[in-house]
Structure formats: structure tokens, C-alpha cells
Amino acid sequence: MRTVTSQITKITTPALLASIILSGIVACSRQTNLPPTEEPVNTELADTNTETTIFNCVQQQGSWATIAQRGNVSSSPIISWQTVEFGEKWTPEKRCQHVSEKLTQAVKNNGGELTNLELTYGDVDGYTVICLVKSQESCNSANQLFTLNEQNRANPAFALKKLDNFAQGKAGESTVEESDDLPEFVSLEALVDASFQVSEDG
């Protein structure tokens, strides 16, 4: 009887050990193959999509211009500063620097995004101005960008349309016809994106 029991024990023990080992392997395998709780983040793509837009004043072909910049990429000119009507206090260079800084600060205050920021025109303290507003607000001294010169203040809607055309590289369309659909608001995001596209098309 002891011999039979001993033989059964000898057979059962390896089988039991094999069963335990096999169960452990299966358990580990199941644990290893569990899906991740979160999808991996493509950091390279995320960094590109969140690149902040800033505005700089540069000199191109003898004129001062406001351009947009994202990382190391610069846009074509958005605004060209040429008028000397406002005297030494507001030379083309000073106006360019001032407006570029205000645009950069406005985007920063908007969470680093261009969304919902629009260019429009209005009257502030008796002057006809171009300003940068959020969600179709009115112009005021805080959002004023620059004063229109004598030629453009006669029809600010034309001036805004010419600004839109210029940023899109349509220099030949700077003269606006009365039959054209004149905007009251121009999206800064669309304007900047168009200027980057012009720069890429070169």
C-alpha cells in the first residue's frame, strides 16, 4: 500500500507543479497583454499644433512690415507701414513696432490662440481706427491698433478689405471696387494663415 501511495505521490507532484507553473505563465501572459488605459500621445504632433503665433516688425525692401512668426517659420508681410502723415512721434517704424507688440500681447491674452480675434474699424476719441476685437466687439482705446491715414479714413471698410487682400498676397487687388463685398470684420486667424500660405508658395 505504501508503495502504491508513494508512486501516486511521485506522479501527482510533478503534475501539480506543472499545473501551477503553467497557470503562472498564463496569468503573466494575460497581465502583459492587457491594453493600456490611455492612448500614447504623439508629442511631436502636439508641439506643432500648439505653436504660439507672435508678431514681429521687420524691414523689407526699404519698408517696414508686420509679419507673423511660428517657431522658426515667418509669414509674408501682413501690414506694410509707409505713411509719414503722423510725424516723428509715429514714424512707420514706430507704428510697426507698436502694432506688432499689441498683436502679440492680444494673442497671449487669448490663451496663445488666434481663435475669435478679429480686425475691424471704428471711431475712438474722434479718430477712425483699425482695432483688434474678440467676438465682434466694438473698438475702444484698449483694443485700438492704429489710426487710419487721411486717404483710408474716408472709407475704413475699403481699408480693411485692402488689408485683407495684401495679407493674402493680392497686391494687385489693393484697389477695391464699390461693388465688392466689404467686410466689417476680418478673422485674424484666417489673415495670418493666408500670409503663411503666401510665404510657403513663395
C-alpha atoms as a PDB file:
ATOM      1  CA  MET A   1       0.000   0.000   0.000  1.00  0.00           C
ATOM      2  CA  ARG A   2       2.790   2.434   0.858  1.00  0.00           C
ATOM      3  CA  THR A   3       4.451   1.650  -2.434  1.00  0.00           C
ATOM      4  CA  VAL A   4       1.302   2.454  -4.411  1.00  0.00           C
ATOM      5  CA  THR A   5       0.738   5.666  -2.448  1.00  0.00           C
ATOM      6  CA  SER A   6       4.333   6.673  -2.964  1.00  0.00           C
ATOM      7  CA  GLN A   7       4.035   6.086  -6.677  1.00  0.00           C
ATOM      8  CA  ILE A   8       0.846   8.146  -6.863  1.00  0.00           C
ATOM      9  CA  THR A   9       2.552  10.933  -4.936  1.00  0.00           C
ATOM     10  CA  LYS A  10       5.528  10.853  -7.281  1.00  0.00           C
ATOM     11  CA  ILE A  11       3.229  11.118 -10.298  1.00  0.00           C
ATOM     12  CA  THR A  12       0.914  13.742  -8.801  1.00  0.00           C
ATOM     13  CA  THR A  13       3.594  16.105  -7.509  1.00  0.00           C
ATOM     14  CA  PRO A  14       5.249  16.840 -10.908  1.00  0.00           C
ATOM     15  CA  ALA A  15       1.827  17.175 -12.500  1.00  0.00           C
ATOM     16  CA  LEU A  16       0.720  19.605  -9.803  1.00  0.00           C
ATOM     17  CA  LEU A  17       3.915  21.628 -10.161  1.00  0.00           C
ATOM     18  CA  ALA A  18       3.483  21.729 -13.931  1.00  0.00           C
ATOM     19  CA  SER A  19      -0.084  22.895 -13.464  1.00  0.00           C
ATOM     20  CA  ILE A  20       0.985  25.689 -11.100  1.00  0.00           C
ATOM     21  CA  ILE A  21       3.819  26.784 -13.396  1.00  0.00           C
ATOM     22  CA  LEU A  22       1.529  26.716 -16.437  1.00  0.00           C
ATOM     23  CA  SER A  23      -1.099  28.752 -14.593  1.00  0.00           C
ATOM     24  CA  GLY A  24       1.552  31.298 -13.652  1.00  0.00           C
ATOM     25  CA  ILE A  25       2.675  31.644 -17.263  1.00  0.00           C
ATOM     26  CA  VAL A  26      -0.895  32.112 -18.453  1.00  0.00           C
ATOM     27  CA  ALA A  27      -1.546  34.672 -15.732  1.00  0.00           C
ATOM     28  CA  CYS A  28       1.599  36.607 -16.654  1.00  0.00           C
ATOM     29  CA  SER A  29       0.698  36.411 -20.313  1.00  0.00           C
ATOM     30  CA  ARG A  30      -2.766  37.771 -19.655  1.00  0.00           C
ATOM     31  CA  GLN A  31      -1.375  40.539 -17.471  1.00  0.00           C
ATOM     32  CA  THR A  32       1.224  41.523 -20.089  1.00  0.00           C
ATOM     33  CA  ASN A  33      -1.314  41.700 -22.907  1.00  0.00           C
ATOM     34  CA  LEU A  34      -3.734  43.972 -21.075  1.00  0.00           C
ATOM     35  CA  PRO A  35      -4.470  47.071 -23.158  1.00  0.00           C
ATOM     36  CA  PRO A  36      -3.105  50.418 -21.891  1.00  0.00           C
ATOM     37  CA  THR A  37      -5.580  52.602 -20.050  1.00  0.00           C
ATOM     38  CA  GLU A  38      -4.679  55.642 -22.203  1.00  0.00           C
ATOM     39  CA  GLU A  39      -3.637  56.086 -25.819  1.00  0.00           C
ATOM     40  CA  PRO A  40       0.008  57.167 -26.227  1.00  0.00           C
ATOM     41  CA  VAL A  41       0.391  60.857 -27.053  1.00  0.00           C
ATOM     42  CA  ASN A  42       2.221  61.925 -30.187  1.00  0.00           C
ATOM     43  CA  THR A  43       4.242  64.705 -28.575  1.00  0.00           C
ATOM     44  CA  GLU A  44       5.806  65.836 -31.832  1.00  0.00           C
ATOM     45  CA  LEU A  45       2.399  66.467 -33.410  1.00  0.00           C
ATOM     46  CA  ALA A  46       1.085  68.093 -30.238  1.00  0.00           C
ATOM     47  CA  ASP A  47       4.022  70.500 -30.149  1.00  0.00           C
ATOM     48  CA  THR A  48       3.406  71.524 -33.767  1.00  0.00           C
ATOM     49  CA  ASN A  49      -0.287  72.121 -33.226  1.00  0.00           C
ATOM     50  CA  THR A  50       0.287  74.283 -30.159  1.00  0.00           C
ATOM     51  CA  GLU A  51       2.965  76.547 -31.673  1.00  0.00           C
ATOM     52  CA  THR A  52       2.239  80.089 -30.487  1.00  0.00           C
ATOM     53  CA  THR A  53       1.967  82.879 -33.044  1.00  0.00           C
ATOM     54  CA  ILE A  54       3.898  86.079 -32.371  1.00  0.00           C
ATOM     55  CA  PHE A  55       4.272  89.217 -34.480  1.00  0.00           C
ATOM     56  CA  ASN A  56       7.492  90.986 -35.412  1.00  0.00           C
ATOM     57  CA  CYS A  57       8.405  94.226 -37.126  1.00  0.00           C
ATOM     58  CA  VAL A  58      10.915  93.767 -39.942  1.00  0.00           C
ATOM     59  CA  GLN A  59      12.356  95.881 -42.727  1.00  0.00           C
ATOM     60  CA  GLN A  60      11.827  94.547 -46.235  1.00  0.00           C
ATOM     61  CA  GLN A  61      12.854  96.321 -49.438  1.00  0.00           C
ATOM     62  CA  GLY A  62      13.177  99.644 -47.644  1.00  0.00           C
ATOM     63  CA  SER A  63       9.755  99.489 -45.966  1.00  0.00           C
ATOM     64  CA  TRP A  64       8.664  98.395 -42.508  1.00  0.00           C
ATOM     65  CA  ALA A  65       6.268  95.469 -42.261  1.00  0.00           C
ATOM     66  CA  THR A  66       4.476  93.453 -39.600  1.00  0.00           C
ATOM     67  CA  ILE A  67       4.883  89.697 -40.039  1.00  0.00           C
ATOM     68  CA  ALA A  68       3.715  86.669 -38.063  1.00  0.00           C
ATOM     69  CA  GLN A  69       6.078  84.004 -36.761  1.00  0.00           C
ATOM     70  CA  ARG A  70       5.562  80.435 -35.519  1.00  0.00           C
ATOM     71  CA  GLY A  71       8.742  78.873 -34.241  1.00  0.00           C
ATOM     72  CA  ASN A  72      11.349  79.383 -36.959  1.00  0.00           C
ATOM     73  CA  VAL A  73       8.776  79.971 -39.705  1.00  0.00           C
ATOM     74  CA  SER A  74       7.877  83.526 -40.771  1.00  0.00           C
ATOM     75  CA  SER A  75       4.890  84.664 -42.803  1.00  0.00           C
ATOM     76  CA  SER A  76       4.764  87.101 -45.677  1.00  0.00           C
ATOM     77  CA  PRO A  77       4.041  90.740 -44.654  1.00  0.00           C
ATOM     78  CA  ILE A  78       0.615  91.294 -43.112  1.00  0.00           C
ATOM     79  CA  ILE A  79       0.758  95.095 -42.839  1.00  0.00           C
ATOM     80  CA  SER A  80       3.098  97.428 -44.718  1.00  0.00           C
ATOM     81  CA  TRP A  81       3.917 100.709 -42.958  1.00  0.00           C
ATOM     82  CA  GLN A  82       4.660 103.592 -45.325  1.00  0.00           C
ATOM     83  CA  THR A  83       2.729 106.724 -44.366  1.00  0.00           C
ATOM     84  CA  VAL A  84       4.639 109.594 -42.732  1.00  0.00           C
ATOM     85  CA  GLU A  85       1.471 111.581 -42.128  1.00  0.00           C
ATOM     86  CA  PHE A  86       1.663 111.195 -38.345  1.00  0.00           C
ATOM     87  CA  GLY A  87       5.021 112.925 -37.895  1.00  0.00           C
ATOM     88  CA  GLU A  88       8.143 111.917 -35.988  1.00  0.00           C
ATOM     89  CA  LYS A  89       6.210 110.619 -32.988  1.00  0.00           C
ATOM     90  CA  TRP A  90       4.642 107.893 -35.107  1.00  0.00           C
ATOM     91  CA  THR A  91       7.076 107.075 -37.895  1.00  0.00           C
ATOM     92  CA  PRO A  92       6.460 103.920 -39.974  1.00  0.00           C
ATOM     93  CA  GLU A  93       8.996 102.052 -37.831  1.00  0.00           C
ATOM     94  CA  LYS A  94       7.401 103.125 -34.538  1.00  0.00           C
ATOM     95  CA  ARG A  95       3.892 102.265 -35.751  1.00  0.00           C
ATOM     96  CA  CYS A  96       5.153  98.906 -36.959  1.00  0.00           C
ATOM     97  CA  GLN A  97       6.795  98.115 -33.609  1.00  0.00           C
ATOM     98  CA  HIS A  98       3.778  99.293 -31.615  1.00  0.00           C
ATOM     99  CA  VAL A  99       1.188  97.311 -33.572  1.00  0.00           C
ATOM    100  CA  SER A 100       3.329  94.152 -33.715  1.00  0.00           C
ATOM    101  CA  GLU A 101       3.683  94.226 -29.929  1.00  0.00           C
ATOM    102  CA  LYS A 102      -0.053  94.822 -29.424  1.00  0.00           C
ATOM    103  CA  LEU A 103      -0.945  91.902 -31.699  1.00  0.00           C
ATOM    104  CA  THR A 104       1.450  89.587 -29.842  1.00  0.00           C
ATOM    105  CA  GLN A 105       0.037  90.655 -26.472  1.00  0.00           C
ATOM    106  CA  ALA A 106      -3.557  90.217 -27.667  1.00  0.00           C
ATOM    107  CA  VAL A 107      -2.854  86.645 -28.781  1.00  0.00           C
ATOM    108  CA  LYS A 108      -1.095  85.934 -25.473  1.00  0.00           C
ATOM    109  CA  ASN A 109      -4.111  87.274 -23.564  1.00  0.00           C
ATOM    110  CA  ASN A 110      -6.299  84.979 -25.670  1.00  0.00           C
ATOM    111  CA  GLY A 111      -4.503  81.883 -24.394  1.00  0.00           C
ATOM    112  CA  GLY A 112      -1.936  81.914 -27.185  1.00  0.00           C
ATOM    113  CA  GLU A 113      -4.624  81.319 -29.812  1.00  0.00           C
ATOM    114  CA  LEU A 114      -5.936  83.361 -32.732  1.00  0.00           C
ATOM    115  CA  THR A 115      -9.458  81.973 -32.424  1.00  0.00           C
ATOM    116  CA  ASN A 116     -12.264  84.581 -32.188  1.00  0.00           C
ATOM    117  CA  LEU A 117      -9.874  87.515 -32.714  1.00  0.00           C
ATOM    118  CA  GLU A 118     -10.996  89.847 -35.494  1.00  0.00           C
ATOM    119  CA  LEU A 119      -9.868  93.062 -37.136  1.00  0.00           C
ATOM    120  CA  THR A 120     -12.499  95.748 -37.538  1.00  0.00           C
ATOM    121  CA  TYR A 121     -12.802  99.532 -37.720  1.00  0.00           C
ATOM    122  CA  GLY A 122     -14.463 102.226 -35.650  1.00  0.00           C
ATOM    123  CA  ASP A 123     -14.119 105.645 -34.060  1.00  0.00           C
ATOM    124  CA  VAL A 124     -12.088 106.242 -30.897  1.00  0.00           C
ATOM    125  CA  ASP A 125     -11.698 109.766 -29.487  1.00  0.00           C
ATOM    126  CA  GLY A 126     -12.655 111.286 -32.826  1.00  0.00           C
ATOM    127  CA  TYR A 127     -10.184 109.207 -34.867  1.00  0.00           C
ATOM    128  CA  THR A 128     -11.033 106.434 -37.324  1.00  0.00           C
ATOM    129  CA  VAL A 129      -9.042 103.379 -36.294  1.00  0.00           C
ATOM    130  CA  ILE A 130      -8.411  99.722 -37.004  1.00  0.00           C
ATOM    131  CA  CYS A 131      -8.723  97.626 -33.867  1.00  0.00           C
ATOM    132  CA  LEU A 132      -8.499  94.005 -32.774  1.00  0.00           C
ATOM    133  CA  VAL A 133     -11.629  92.738 -31.060  1.00  0.00           C
ATOM    134  CA  LYS A 134     -12.958  89.467 -29.725  1.00  0.00           C
ATOM    135  CA  SER A 135     -16.281  88.063 -30.946  1.00  0.00           C
ATOM    136  CA  GLN A 136     -17.373  91.192 -32.838  1.00  0.00           C
ATOM    137  CA  GLU A 137     -16.936  93.704 -30.038  1.00  0.00           C
ATOM    138  CA  SER A 138     -16.683  97.445 -30.677  1.00  0.00           C
ATOM    139  CA  CYS A 139     -13.496  99.484 -30.931  1.00  0.00           C
ATOM    140  CA  ASN A 140     -12.166 101.260 -27.849  1.00  0.00           C
ATOM    141  CA  SER A 141      -8.884 102.742 -26.636  1.00  0.00           C
ATOM    142  CA  ALA A 142      -7.768  99.374 -25.220  1.00  0.00           C
ATOM    143  CA  ASN A 143      -8.136  97.336 -28.425  1.00  0.00           C
ATOM    144  CA  GLN A 144      -7.158 100.088 -30.875  1.00  0.00           C
ATOM    145  CA  LEU A 145      -4.259  99.067 -33.129  1.00  0.00           C
ATOM    146  CA  PHE A 146      -3.621 102.089 -35.334  1.00  0.00           C
ATOM    147  CA  THR A 147      -5.205 105.236 -36.745  1.00  0.00           C
ATOM    148  CA  LEU A 148      -6.068 105.313 -40.436  1.00  0.00           C
ATOM    149  CA  ASN A 149      -4.431 107.976 -42.584  1.00  0.00           C
ATOM    150  CA  GLU A 150      -6.434 110.671 -44.327  1.00  0.00           C
ATOM    151  CA  GLN A 151      -6.935 108.659 -47.502  1.00  0.00           C
ATOM    152  CA  ASN A 152      -8.140 105.492 -45.766  1.00  0.00           C
ATOM    153  CA  ARG A 153     -10.267 107.076 -43.042  1.00  0.00           C
ATOM    154  CA  ALA A 154     -12.727 108.274 -45.701  1.00  0.00           C
ATOM    155  CA  ASN A 155     -13.796 104.665 -46.206  1.00  0.00           C
ATOM    156  CA  PRO A 156     -12.494 102.331 -43.467  1.00  0.00           C
ATOM    157  CA  ALA A 157     -14.299  99.310 -44.934  1.00  0.00           C
ATOM    158  CA  PHE A 158     -12.218  99.724 -48.098  1.00  0.00           C
ATOM    159  CA  ALA A 159      -9.083  99.973 -45.956  1.00  0.00           C
ATOM    160  CA  LEU A 160      -9.937  96.742 -44.135  1.00  0.00           C
ATOM    161  CA  LYS A 161     -10.558  94.975 -47.446  1.00  0.00           C
ATOM    162  CA  LYS A 162      -7.222  96.202 -48.835  1.00  0.00           C
ATOM    163  CA  LEU A 163      -5.506  94.947 -45.687  1.00  0.00           C
ATOM    164  CA  ASP A 164      -7.129  91.548 -46.205  1.00  0.00           C
ATOM    165  CA  ASN A 165      -6.045  91.450 -49.858  1.00  0.00           C
ATOM    166  CA  PHE A 166      -2.482  92.484 -49.022  1.00  0.00           C
ATOM    167  CA  ALA A 167      -2.057  89.728 -46.423  1.00  0.00           C
ATOM    168  CA  GLN A 168      -3.249  87.176 -48.980  1.00  0.00           C
ATOM    169  CA  GLY A 169      -0.597  88.311 -51.437  1.00  0.00           C
ATOM    170  CA  LYS A 170      -3.105  90.051 -53.707  1.00  0.00           C
ATOM    171  CA  ALA A 171      -1.084  93.239 -54.062  1.00  0.00           C
ATOM    172  CA  GLY A 172      -2.630  93.860 -57.470  1.00  0.00           C
ATOM    173  CA  GLU A 173      -6.062  93.937 -55.849  1.00  0.00           C
ATOM    174  CA  SER A 174      -5.262  96.725 -53.391  1.00  0.00           C
ATOM    175  CA  THR A 175      -7.777  98.916 -55.250  1.00  0.00           C
ATOM    176  CA  VAL A 176     -11.224  97.858 -54.085  1.00  0.00           C
ATOM    177  CA  GLU A 177     -14.304  98.397 -56.204  1.00  0.00           C
ATOM    178  CA  GLU A 178     -17.557  99.652 -54.680  1.00  0.00           C
ATOM    179  CA  SER A 179     -19.298  96.514 -55.913  1.00  0.00           C
ATOM    180  CA  ASP A 180     -17.019  94.331 -53.783  1.00  0.00           C
ATOM    181  CA  ASP A 181     -18.395  92.722 -50.654  1.00  0.00           C
ATOM    182  CA  LEU A 182     -16.731  94.838 -47.982  1.00  0.00           C
ATOM    183  CA  PRO A 183     -16.207  93.129 -44.627  1.00  0.00           C
ATOM    184  CA  GLU A 184     -16.959  94.689 -41.270  1.00  0.00           C
ATOM    185  CA  PHE A 185     -14.805  92.078 -39.546  1.00  0.00           C
ATOM    186  CA  VAL A 186     -11.786  90.107 -40.773  1.00  0.00           C
ATOM    187  CA  SER A 187     -10.635  86.999 -38.913  1.00  0.00           C
ATOM    188  CA  LEU A 188      -7.066  87.427 -37.667  1.00  0.00           C
ATOM    189  CA  GLU A 189      -6.600  83.657 -37.797  1.00  0.00           C
ATOM    190  CA  ALA A 190      -7.625  83.489 -41.467  1.00  0.00           C
ATOM    191  CA  LEU A 191      -5.460  86.507 -42.262  1.00  0.00           C
ATOM    192  CA  VAL A 192      -2.374  85.017 -40.608  1.00  0.00           C
ATOM    193  CA  ASP A 193      -2.910  81.553 -42.110  1.00  0.00           C
ATOM    194  CA  ALA A 194      -3.200  83.125 -45.567  1.00  0.00           C
ATOM    195  CA  SER A 195       0.039  85.060 -45.059  1.00  0.00           C
ATOM    196  CA  PHE A 196       1.862  81.847 -44.096  1.00  0.00           C
ATOM    197  CA  GLN A 197       0.477  80.157 -47.212  1.00  0.00           C
ATOM    198  CA  VAL A 198       1.744  83.014 -49.389  1.00  0.00           C
ATOM    199  CA  SER A 199       5.167  82.627 -47.780  1.00  0.00           C
ATOM    200  CA  GLU A 200       5.193  78.869 -48.486  1.00  0.00           C
ATOM    201  CA  ASP A 201       4.092  79.336 -52.097  1.00  0.00           C
ATOM    202  CA  GLY A 202       6.873  81.918 -52.398  1.00  0.00           C
END
